[in-house]
Every structure is written in structure tokens, then in C-alpha cells.
Amino acid sequence: MQDGPKLKKTVLVVDDDAMLVSSIWQALMNEGYNVVAARNSELAVSLTREKKPDLILLEITVSGFDGRQTIKKIREISRVPIFVITNERNELILQNTLNCGADDLIRKPVKINMLVNRIQARLARNSVKSESDMLGGSY
């Protein structure tokens, strides 16, 4: 295992593409993350409440609610970083997705190593911010 997270962080992967989920799952598990998967948006919202993931990877066209609706429902209960995975190329739709509360966009085909690096960087920044908040600092 490489220099991964010091404490096990949980990543919720929401996609109905079993092969992609399996690849992401394996790569994140190899880096020491807990991984939870959902095949639809309703389960994603439920697992967000139950598991309190540290980061969510959300395929914007997964079955259930519209992807932007899913983001809004998650935002009602959590400030967890949401990375949207998408085939979408329309810049206006992508911009609207970010405006709904997504933190990052990852276009398919997903490069697993780059995805893991982005997750690690985001969670490391969140850890530093949390430590600063506990010490009374501001970011």
C-alpha cells in the first residue's frame, strides 16, 4: 500500500456500471479506503445518511432521481464533497451540475489512477481544514 490515508476514510461510489464500480472499488481499497456502493440515487441518499461518507463519486445519469436532484437531496443532509462522473459534454449542463452543489466533475472514460489521486488530494485538504477548525484557525 502506498502513502494512503492515516485514518480509514469512506467513499460512496454511485454508479450502475458494475465494471467501473469494481475498478474504483479495488483501487480505493488498495489505498486503504472503505468503499460503499449504490446502484441508484435513492440508495445513495440513504447511504449518505447511514454511512456518512467522506466523499461521494456520483454518476450523474444513475437511475432514480435526476443527478442534480440527487445532489440537492444530499446537500440537504451533508456537506460531503461530491465528485460527479459523467459522459456529458454540454458545458451549460456541466456548469448547472456544479451550481447544484457538486464539487468536481470527472469525465468518462475514468482514469482510475488520476481519480484516486484527486480523491486523496481532496480528502487531505479536508483533513487539514478540519484540524485547523478544531484549533480555531480559519481557511
N, C-alpha and C. Protein backbone atom coordinates (compact mmCIF):
# COMPACT_ATOMS: atom_id res chain seq x y z
N MET A 1 0.84 -1.18 0.00
CA MET A 1 0.00 0.00 0.00
C MET A 1 0.88 1.24 0.00
N GLN A 2 0.48 2.24 -0.80
CA GLN A 2 1.24 3.47 -0.87
C GLN A 2 0.86 4.36 0.32
N ASP A 3 1.46 5.57 0.36
CA ASP A 3 1.10 6.51 1.41
C ASP A 3 -0.34 6.92 1.23
N GLY A 4 -1.25 6.21 1.89
CA GLY A 4 -2.68 6.49 1.79
C GLY A 4 -3.13 7.25 3.01
N PRO A 5 -4.41 7.27 3.22
CA PRO A 5 -4.95 8.00 4.36
C PRO A 5 -4.54 7.35 5.67
N LYS A 6 -4.33 8.20 6.70
CA LYS A 6 -3.92 7.68 8.00
C LYS A 6 -5.09 7.03 8.72
N LEU A 7 -6.25 7.61 8.62
CA LEU A 7 -7.47 7.03 9.16
C LEU A 7 -8.29 6.56 7.99
N LYS A 8 -8.99 5.44 8.17
CA LYS A 8 -9.79 4.95 7.06
C LYS A 8 -10.93 5.89 6.75
N LYS A 9 -10.91 6.42 5.57
CA LYS A 9 -11.97 7.29 5.08
C LYS A 9 -12.93 6.43 4.25
N THR A 10 -14.17 6.87 4.17
CA THR A 10 -15.18 6.14 3.42
C THR A 10 -15.57 6.91 2.17
N VAL A 11 -15.59 6.20 1.05
CA VAL A 11 -16.00 6.78 -0.23
C VAL A 11 -17.24 6.02 -0.70
N LEU A 12 -18.30 6.77 -1.00
CA LEU A 12 -19.52 6.21 -1.56
C LEU A 12 -19.45 6.34 -3.08
N VAL A 13 -19.54 5.21 -3.79
CA VAL A 13 -19.49 5.19 -5.25
C VAL A 13 -20.91 4.90 -5.74
N VAL A 14 -21.46 5.81 -6.54
CA VAL A 14 -22.82 5.67 -7.04
C VAL A 14 -22.79 5.58 -8.56
N ASP A 15 -22.98 4.37 -9.05
CA ASP A 15 -22.95 4.15 -10.50
C ASP A 15 -23.59 2.80 -10.76
N ASP A 16 -24.26 2.65 -11.91
CA ASP A 16 -24.87 1.36 -12.25
C ASP A 16 -23.99 0.55 -13.21
N ASP A 17 -22.79 1.04 -13.50
CA ASP A 17 -21.82 0.33 -14.32
C ASP A 17 -20.97 -0.55 -13.39
N ALA A 18 -21.33 -1.82 -13.30
CA ALA A 18 -20.68 -2.73 -12.35
C ALA A 18 -19.17 -2.84 -12.57
N MET A 19 -18.73 -2.80 -13.83
CA MET A 19 -17.29 -2.92 -14.09
C MET A 19 -16.53 -1.69 -13.59
N LEU A 20 -17.10 -0.50 -13.81
CA LEU A 20 -16.46 0.72 -13.34
C LEU A 20 -16.44 0.74 -11.81
N VAL A 21 -17.55 0.40 -11.19
CA VAL A 21 -17.61 0.37 -9.72
C VAL A 21 -16.57 -0.60 -9.18
N SER A 22 -16.45 -1.76 -9.79
CA SER A 22 -15.48 -2.76 -9.35
C SER A 22 -14.05 -2.23 -9.45
N SER A 23 -13.74 -1.54 -10.55
CA SER A 23 -12.39 -0.99 -10.74
C SER A 23 -12.09 0.10 -9.70
N ILE A 24 -13.06 0.98 -9.49
CA ILE A 24 -12.88 2.04 -8.50
C ILE A 24 -12.76 1.44 -7.10
N TRP A 25 -13.65 0.49 -6.80
CA TRP A 25 -13.65 -0.19 -5.51
C TRP A 25 -12.27 -0.77 -5.20
N GLN A 26 -11.74 -1.54 -6.14
CA GLN A 26 -10.46 -2.21 -5.94
C GLN A 26 -9.33 -1.19 -5.74
N ALA A 27 -9.30 -0.16 -6.56
CA ALA A 27 -8.24 0.85 -6.45
C ALA A 27 -8.30 1.57 -5.11
N LEU A 28 -9.50 1.92 -4.66
CA LEU A 28 -9.64 2.63 -3.38
C LEU A 28 -9.34 1.71 -2.19
N MET A 29 -9.79 0.47 -2.27
CA MET A 29 -9.49 -0.50 -1.20
C MET A 29 -7.97 -0.71 -1.10
N ASN A 30 -7.28 -0.77 -2.24
CA ASN A 30 -5.83 -0.93 -2.25
C ASN A 30 -5.12 0.24 -1.57
N GLU A 31 -5.77 1.40 -1.56
CA GLU A 31 -5.21 2.59 -0.91
C GLU A 31 -5.67 2.74 0.54
N GLY A 32 -6.44 1.78 1.02
CA GLY A 32 -6.84 1.79 2.43
C GLY A 32 -8.16 2.47 2.73
N TYR A 33 -8.96 2.75 1.72
CA TYR A 33 -10.26 3.38 1.94
C TYR A 33 -11.33 2.32 2.19
N ASN A 34 -12.36 2.70 2.94
CA ASN A 34 -13.60 1.92 3.00
C ASN A 34 -14.40 2.36 1.79
N VAL A 35 -15.05 1.43 1.13
CA VAL A 35 -15.83 1.77 -0.05
C VAL A 35 -17.24 1.21 0.12
N VAL A 36 -18.23 2.04 -0.17
CA VAL A 36 -19.62 1.65 -0.15
C VAL A 36 -20.16 1.97 -1.53
N ALA A 37 -21.01 1.10 -2.07
CA ALA A 37 -21.53 1.32 -3.43
C ALA A 37 -23.05 1.35 -3.43
N ALA A 38 -23.58 2.16 -4.35
CA ALA A 38 -25.02 2.23 -4.58
C ALA A 38 -25.26 2.21 -6.08
N ARG A 39 -26.34 1.55 -6.50
CA ARG A 39 -26.66 1.45 -7.92
C ARG A 39 -27.70 2.46 -8.36
N ASN A 40 -28.29 3.20 -7.39
CA ASN A 40 -29.29 4.20 -7.76
C ASN A 40 -29.25 5.37 -6.79
N SER A 41 -29.91 6.44 -7.16
CA SER A 41 -29.82 7.67 -6.38
C SER A 41 -30.54 7.59 -5.04
N GLU A 42 -31.65 6.86 -4.96
CA GLU A 42 -32.36 6.74 -3.69
C GLU A 42 -31.47 6.07 -2.65
N LEU A 43 -30.80 5.00 -3.05
CA LEU A 43 -29.88 4.31 -2.14
C LEU A 43 -28.70 5.21 -1.79
N ALA A 44 -28.25 6.01 -2.73
CA ALA A 44 -27.14 6.94 -2.46
C ALA A 44 -27.49 7.91 -1.34
N VAL A 45 -28.68 8.47 -1.38
CA VAL A 45 -29.13 9.40 -0.34
C VAL A 45 -29.23 8.67 1.00
N SER A 46 -29.81 7.48 0.98
CA SER A 46 -29.95 6.69 2.20
C SER A 46 -28.59 6.34 2.80
N LEU A 47 -27.64 5.91 1.96
CA LEU A 47 -26.31 5.56 2.45
C LEU A 47 -25.54 6.78 2.93
N THR A 48 -25.82 7.93 2.35
CA THR A 48 -25.18 9.16 2.83
C THR A 48 -25.59 9.43 4.27
N ARG A 49 -26.88 9.24 4.56
CA ARG A 49 -27.37 9.41 5.94
C ARG A 49 -26.75 8.37 6.87
N GLU A 50 -26.75 7.12 6.42
CA GLU A 50 -26.35 5.99 7.27
C GLU A 50 -24.84 5.89 7.47
N LYS A 51 -24.09 5.98 6.40
CA LYS A 51 -22.64 5.72 6.45
C LYS A 51 -21.80 6.97 6.63
N LYS A 52 -22.38 8.15 6.36
CA LYS A 52 -21.66 9.43 6.48
C LYS A 52 -20.30 9.37 5.77
N PRO A 53 -20.33 9.15 4.45
CA PRO A 53 -19.06 9.04 3.70
C PRO A 53 -18.27 10.34 3.74
N ASP A 54 -16.98 10.21 3.52
CA ASP A 54 -16.09 11.37 3.47
C ASP A 54 -16.06 12.01 2.09
N LEU A 55 -16.50 11.25 1.07
CA LEU A 55 -16.55 11.74 -0.30
C LEU A 55 -17.50 10.85 -1.08
N ILE A 56 -18.21 11.46 -2.03
CA ILE A 56 -19.14 10.70 -2.89
C ILE A 56 -18.71 10.85 -4.34
N LEU A 57 -18.66 9.73 -5.05
CA LEU A 57 -18.50 9.71 -6.51
C LEU A 57 -19.87 9.39 -7.08
N LEU A 58 -20.46 10.29 -7.84
CA LEU A 58 -21.83 10.13 -8.31
C LEU A 58 -21.90 10.20 -9.82
N GLU A 59 -22.35 9.12 -10.44
CA GLU A 59 -22.64 9.13 -11.87
C GLU A 59 -23.93 9.93 -12.03
N ILE A 60 -23.87 10.98 -12.81
CA ILE A 60 -24.99 11.92 -12.90
C ILE A 60 -26.24 11.31 -13.53
N THR A 61 -26.10 10.25 -14.33
CA THR A 61 -27.26 9.65 -15.00
C THR A 61 -27.68 8.32 -14.39
N VAL A 62 -27.25 8.05 -13.16
CA VAL A 62 -27.64 6.81 -12.49
C VAL A 62 -29.15 6.79 -12.30
N SER A 63 -29.76 5.60 -12.27
CA SER A 63 -31.21 5.52 -12.16
C SER A 63 -31.72 6.09 -10.85
N GLY A 64 -32.97 6.51 -10.88
CA GLY A 64 -33.58 7.14 -9.71
C GLY A 64 -33.84 8.59 -10.00
N PHE A 65 -33.52 9.46 -9.06
CA PHE A 65 -33.71 10.90 -9.26
C PHE A 65 -32.78 11.37 -10.36
N ASP A 66 -33.10 12.51 -10.93
CA ASP A 66 -32.18 13.22 -11.81
C ASP A 66 -30.90 13.50 -11.01
N GLY A 67 -29.76 13.46 -11.64
CA GLY A 67 -28.49 13.64 -10.93
C GLY A 67 -28.40 14.92 -10.13
N ARG A 68 -28.90 16.01 -10.71
CA ARG A 68 -28.87 17.28 -9.99
C ARG A 68 -29.81 17.25 -8.79
N GLN A 69 -30.92 16.55 -8.93
CA GLN A 69 -31.84 16.35 -7.80
C GLN A 69 -31.16 15.56 -6.69
N THR A 70 -30.41 14.56 -7.08
CA THR A 70 -29.68 13.74 -6.11
C THR A 70 -28.70 14.60 -5.33
N ILE A 71 -27.96 15.44 -6.04
CA ILE A 71 -27.00 16.33 -5.38
C ILE A 71 -27.73 17.22 -4.38
N LYS A 72 -28.85 17.80 -4.79
CA LYS A 72 -29.61 18.68 -3.90
C LYS A 72 -30.10 17.93 -2.65
N LYS A 73 -30.57 16.69 -2.83
CA LYS A 73 -31.03 15.90 -1.69
C LYS A 73 -29.87 15.58 -0.74
N ILE A 74 -28.71 15.28 -1.30
CA ILE A 74 -27.53 15.02 -0.46
C ILE A 74 -27.13 16.30 0.27
N ARG A 75 -27.20 17.43 -0.42
CA ARG A 75 -26.82 18.71 0.20
C ARG A 75 -27.75 19.10 1.35
N GLU A 76 -28.97 18.58 1.35
CA GLU A 76 -29.90 18.85 2.46
C GLU A 76 -29.43 18.18 3.75
N ILE A 77 -28.62 17.12 3.62
CA ILE A 77 -28.21 16.36 4.82
C ILE A 77 -26.71 16.34 5.06
N SER A 78 -25.91 16.80 4.07
CA SER A 78 -24.46 16.67 4.22
C SER A 78 -23.71 17.70 3.37
N ARG A 79 -22.53 18.05 3.86
CA ARG A 79 -21.62 18.92 3.09
C ARG A 79 -20.48 18.10 2.48
N VAL A 80 -20.62 16.80 2.43
CA VAL A 80 -19.59 15.90 1.90
C VAL A 80 -19.20 16.31 0.48
N PRO A 81 -17.92 16.25 0.13
CA PRO A 81 -17.52 16.54 -1.25
C PRO A 81 -18.17 15.54 -2.22
N ILE A 82 -18.70 16.06 -3.31
CA ILE A 82 -19.33 15.23 -4.34
C ILE A 82 -18.59 15.42 -5.65
N PHE A 83 -18.02 14.33 -6.16
CA PHE A 83 -17.39 14.32 -7.48
C PHE A 83 -18.38 13.66 -8.42
N VAL A 84 -18.75 14.36 -9.48
CA VAL A 84 -19.68 13.83 -10.46
C VAL A 84 -18.90 13.17 -11.59
N ILE A 85 -19.30 11.94 -11.89
CA ILE A 85 -18.74 11.19 -13.03
C ILE A 85 -19.76 11.30 -14.15
N THR A 86 -19.31 11.68 -15.35
CA THR A 86 -20.28 11.92 -16.42
C THR A 86 -19.71 11.72 -17.82
N ASN A 87 -20.61 11.39 -18.74
CA ASN A 87 -20.30 11.39 -20.18
C ASN A 87 -20.69 12.72 -20.80
N GLU A 88 -21.37 13.55 -20.03
CA GLU A 88 -21.91 14.82 -20.53
C GLU A 88 -20.80 15.72 -21.07
N ARG A 89 -21.05 16.35 -22.21
CA ARG A 89 -20.08 17.27 -22.80
C ARG A 89 -20.63 18.70 -22.90
N ASN A 90 -21.93 18.86 -22.70
CA ASN A 90 -22.56 20.17 -22.79
C ASN A 90 -22.11 21.02 -21.60
N GLU A 91 -21.40 22.09 -21.90
CA GLU A 91 -20.82 22.94 -20.84
C GLU A 91 -21.88 23.56 -19.94
N LEU A 92 -23.02 23.94 -20.50
CA LEU A 92 -24.09 24.54 -19.71
C LEU A 92 -24.64 23.54 -18.69
N ILE A 93 -24.83 22.31 -19.11
CA ILE A 93 -25.32 21.26 -18.19
C ILE A 93 -24.27 20.99 -17.12
N LEU A 94 -23.01 20.95 -17.51
CA LEU A 94 -21.94 20.71 -16.53
C LEU A 94 -21.87 21.86 -15.52
N GLN A 95 -22.01 23.07 -16.00
CA GLN A 95 -21.99 24.24 -15.13
C GLN A 95 -23.17 24.19 -14.16
N ASN A 96 -24.34 23.82 -14.65
CA ASN A 96 -25.53 23.70 -13.82
C ASN A 96 -25.33 22.63 -12.74
N THR A 97 -24.64 21.55 -13.10
CA THR A 97 -24.35 20.48 -12.14
C THR A 97 -23.48 21.01 -11.00
N LEU A 98 -22.47 21.78 -11.34
CA LEU A 98 -21.62 22.38 -10.30
C LEU A 98 -22.42 23.37 -9.45
N ASN A 99 -23.30 24.11 -10.08
CA ASN A 99 -24.12 25.08 -9.34
C ASN A 99 -25.11 24.41 -8.40
N CYS A 100 -25.45 23.15 -8.65
CA CYS A 100 -26.35 22.41 -7.77
C CYS A 100 -25.65 21.90 -6.51
N GLY A 101 -24.32 22.00 -6.49
CA GLY A 101 -23.61 21.58 -5.29
C GLY A 101 -22.51 20.55 -5.50
N ALA A 102 -22.27 20.13 -6.74
CA ALA A 102 -21.15 19.22 -7.00
C ALA A 102 -19.84 19.97 -6.79
N ASP A 103 -18.82 19.27 -6.34
CA ASP A 103 -17.52 19.89 -6.08
C ASP A 103 -16.53 19.71 -7.22
N ASP A 104 -16.73 18.68 -8.03
CA ASP A 104 -15.79 18.41 -9.11
C ASP A 104 -16.50 17.58 -10.16
N LEU A 105 -16.02 17.64 -11.39
CA LEU A 105 -16.54 16.85 -12.50
C LEU A 105 -15.44 15.96 -13.04
N ILE A 106 -15.76 14.71 -13.26
CA ILE A 106 -14.81 13.75 -13.83
C ILE A 106 -15.47 13.16 -15.05
N ARG A 107 -14.87 13.39 -16.21
CA ARG A 107 -15.46 12.90 -17.45
C ARG A 107 -15.03 11.46 -17.72
N LYS A 108 -15.98 10.71 -18.25
CA LYS A 108 -15.69 9.34 -18.68
C LYS A 108 -15.00 9.42 -20.03
N PRO A 109 -14.12 8.50 -20.35
CA PRO A 109 -13.73 7.35 -19.55
C PRO A 109 -12.86 7.77 -18.36
N VAL A 110 -13.13 7.15 -17.23
CA VAL A 110 -12.44 7.48 -15.99
C VAL A 110 -11.05 6.85 -15.98
N LYS A 111 -10.06 7.67 -15.69
CA LYS A 111 -8.69 7.17 -15.49
C LYS A 111 -8.56 6.92 -13.99
N ILE A 112 -8.56 5.64 -13.62
CA ILE A 112 -8.65 5.24 -12.22
C ILE A 112 -7.52 5.84 -11.36
N ASN A 113 -6.29 5.78 -11.84
CA ASN A 113 -5.17 6.33 -11.05
C ASN A 113 -5.34 7.82 -10.80
N MET A 114 -5.75 8.56 -11.81
CA MET A 114 -5.97 10.00 -11.66
C MET A 114 -7.13 10.25 -10.70
N LEU A 115 -8.17 9.45 -10.79
CA LEU A 115 -9.32 9.58 -9.89
C LEU A 115 -8.88 9.39 -8.44
N VAL A 116 -8.12 8.35 -8.18
CA VAL A 116 -7.62 8.08 -6.82
C VAL A 116 -6.78 9.25 -6.33
N ASN A 117 -5.92 9.79 -7.18
CA ASN A 117 -5.10 10.94 -6.80
C ASN A 117 -5.95 12.15 -6.44
N ARG A 118 -7.01 12.40 -7.21
CA ARG A 118 -7.89 13.53 -6.93
C ARG A 118 -8.63 13.33 -5.60
N ILE A 119 -9.06 12.09 -5.35
CA ILE A 119 -9.75 11.78 -4.08
C ILE A 119 -8.80 12.00 -2.92
N GLN A 120 -7.58 11.47 -3.04
CA GLN A 120 -6.60 11.63 -1.96
C GLN A 120 -6.32 13.11 -1.69
N ALA A 121 -6.15 13.89 -2.74
CA ALA A 121 -5.86 15.32 -2.57
C ALA A 121 -7.02 16.03 -1.89
N ARG A 122 -8.24 15.75 -2.31
CA ARG A 122 -9.40 16.41 -1.72
C ARG A 122 -9.56 16.04 -0.25
N LEU A 123 -9.42 14.76 0.06
CA LEU A 123 -9.59 14.33 1.44
C LEU A 123 -8.46 14.84 2.33
N ALA A 124 -7.26 14.97 1.78
CA ALA A 124 -6.14 15.54 2.54
C ALA A 124 -6.43 17.01 2.86
N ARG A 125 -6.96 17.75 1.89
CA ARG A 125 -7.32 19.16 2.14
C ARG A 125 -8.42 19.26 3.18
N ASN A 126 -9.40 18.35 3.12
CA ASN A 126 -10.48 18.36 4.11
C ASN A 126 -9.94 18.07 5.51
N SER A 127 -8.96 17.16 5.62
CA SER A 127 -8.37 16.82 6.92
C SER A 127 -7.63 18.02 7.49
N VAL A 128 -6.87 18.71 6.66
CA VAL A 128 -6.13 19.89 7.11
C VAL A 128 -7.11 20.97 7.56
N LYS A 129 -8.18 21.17 6.80
CA LYS A 129 -9.18 22.17 7.16
C LYS A 129 -9.85 21.80 8.48
N SER A 130 -10.20 20.54 8.67
CA SER A 130 -10.84 20.10 9.91
C SER A 130 -9.93 20.32 11.11
N GLU A 131 -8.64 20.00 10.95
CA GLU A 131 -7.69 20.22 12.05
C GLU A 131 -7.57 21.70 12.37
N SER A 132 -7.55 22.53 11.33
CA SER A 132 -7.46 23.97 11.54
C SER A 132 -8.70 24.49 12.26
N ASP A 133 -9.88 23.99 11.85
CA ASP A 133 -11.12 24.40 12.50
C ASP A 133 -11.12 24.03 13.97
N MET A 134 -10.59 22.85 14.31
CA MET A 134 -10.55 22.40 15.71
C MET A 134 -9.61 23.27 16.52
N LEU A 135 -8.57 23.79 15.87
CA LEU A 135 -7.59 24.63 16.57
C LEU A 135 -8.00 26.10 16.57
N GLY A 136 -9.13 26.40 15.96
CA GLY A 136 -9.61 27.77 15.95
C GLY A 136 -9.10 28.60 14.80
N GLY A 137 -8.43 27.97 13.85
CA GLY A 137 -7.91 28.68 12.68
C GLY A 137 -9.01 28.89 11.66
N SER A 138 -8.70 29.60 10.62
CA SER A 138 -9.68 29.81 9.57
C SER A 138 -9.03 29.57 8.22
N TYR A 139 -9.83 29.13 7.31
CA TYR A 139 -9.40 28.90 5.92
C TYR A 139 -10.27 29.70 5.00
